[in-house]
Amino acid sequence: MKLIICKYCQDAFKLTYDKRRCDCGKSWGYYEEDGLHAVYGGETAVPLGFDNNSLRVAVIDQPDEGLGKRFEAFVIPKVCPTMLHSEEE
């Protein structure tokens, strides 16, 4: 799963096939038709990734109490073959 976080307003949103924006409007992004590649933009946009399998296991194993179940998340590098940063909207 891919998300965008805006360094300006701190809003985080998941990517969909429709273009979405953060609360302040400075960051945006969407999935391409293949569902793997994505385009995002705005100088305040930072792409995040969740390891889908790790997230799935954490959701299935959600504890009743305590700190919660951890899963793998990461900041996607600036140069990534599945994430295209664009200045054009």
Protein backbone atom coordinates (compact mmCIF):
# COMPACT_ATOMS: atom_id res chain seq x y z
CA MET A 1 0.00 0.00 0.00
CA LYS A 2 1.28 3.46 -0.87
CA LEU A 3 0.50 6.66 0.99
CA ILE A 4 1.54 10.29 0.72
CA ILE A 5 2.33 12.45 3.75
CA CYS A 6 2.49 16.21 3.42
CA LYS A 7 5.42 17.83 5.22
CA TYR A 8 3.42 21.06 5.48
CA CYS A 9 0.07 20.00 7.01
CA GLN A 10 1.10 16.50 8.19
CA ASP A 11 -1.95 14.94 6.50
CA ALA A 12 -1.41 11.37 5.29
CA PHE A 13 -3.64 9.79 2.65
CA LYS A 14 -3.65 6.52 0.77
CA LEU A 15 -3.40 6.52 -2.98
CA THR A 16 -6.37 5.50 -5.12
CA TYR A 17 -6.99 5.57 -8.87
CA ASP A 18 -8.50 9.04 -8.46
CA LYS A 19 -6.18 11.96 -7.71
CA ARG A 20 -6.31 12.84 -4.03
CA ARG A 21 -4.88 15.78 -2.13
CA CYS A 22 -3.80 16.47 1.42
CA ASP A 23 -5.81 18.84 3.61
CA CYS A 24 -3.80 21.93 2.59
CA GLY A 25 -3.73 20.93 -1.11
CA LYS A 26 0.06 21.12 -1.50
CA SER A 27 0.57 17.35 -1.99
CA TRP A 28 -1.28 15.01 -4.32
CA GLY A 29 -1.08 11.54 -5.86
CA TYR A 30 -2.84 8.66 -7.59
CA TYR A 31 -2.27 5.09 -8.84
CA GLU A 32 -1.78 4.39 -12.53
CA GLU A 33 -4.16 1.88 -14.17
CA ASP A 34 -1.85 -1.08 -13.41
CA GLY A 35 -2.31 -0.57 -9.64
CA LEU A 36 1.44 -0.79 -8.99
CA HIS A 37 2.85 2.43 -10.42
CA ALA A 38 1.85 5.79 -8.98
CA VAL A 39 2.32 9.48 -9.70
CA TYR A 40 2.61 12.06 -6.95
CA GLY A 41 3.55 15.69 -6.69
CA GLY A 42 4.00 18.81 -4.68
CA GLU A 43 7.23 19.92 -3.03
CA THR A 44 5.86 18.88 0.37
CA ALA A 45 4.87 15.32 -0.68
CA VAL A 46 6.72 12.31 0.76
CA PRO A 47 5.68 8.81 -0.37
CA LEU A 48 5.28 6.07 2.23
CA GLY A 49 4.93 2.33 1.78
CA PHE A 50 3.35 -0.36 3.93
CA ASP A 51 4.46 -3.95 3.49
CA ASN A 52 1.10 -5.47 2.51
CA ASN A 53 1.75 -8.92 3.99
CA SER A 54 3.06 -7.51 7.27
CA LEU A 55 0.00 -5.23 7.52
CA ARG A 56 -2.36 -8.11 6.74
CA VAL A 57 -0.82 -10.26 9.50
CA ALA A 58 -0.96 -7.36 11.99
CA VAL A 59 -4.66 -6.81 11.25
CA ILE A 60 -5.42 -10.54 11.62
CA ASP A 61 -3.41 -10.75 14.86
CA GLN A 62 -4.77 -7.52 16.38
CA PRO A 63 -4.37 -7.87 20.15
CA ASP A 64 -7.22 -7.20 22.57
CA GLU A 65 -4.99 -4.99 24.74
CA GLY A 66 -1.52 -3.53 24.94
CA LEU A 67 0.57 -1.60 22.47
CA GLY A 68 -0.79 -3.18 19.32
CA LYS A 69 0.74 -5.34 16.62
CA ARG A 70 3.63 -3.85 14.65
CA PHE A 71 3.93 -3.99 10.87
CA GLU A 72 6.55 -2.87 8.37
CA ALA A 73 6.33 0.67 6.96
CA PHE A 74 8.97 2.71 5.12
CA VAL A 75 9.67 6.00 3.36
CA ILE A 76 9.87 5.33 -0.37
CA PRO A 77 13.12 6.66 -1.89
CA LYS A 78 13.11 9.77 -4.07
CA VAL A 79 14.15 7.63 -7.04
CA CYS A 80 11.86 4.61 -7.26
CA PRO A 81 10.67 2.75 -10.40
CA THR A 82 7.07 2.50 -9.16
CA MET A 83 6.71 6.10 -7.89
CA LEU A 84 7.00 9.00 -10.35
CA HIS A 85 7.35 12.46 -8.83
CA SER A 86 5.78 15.04 -11.11
CA GLU A 87 5.67 18.82 -10.93
CA GLU A 88 2.75 18.84 -13.37
CA GLU A 89 -0.80 18.23 -12.27
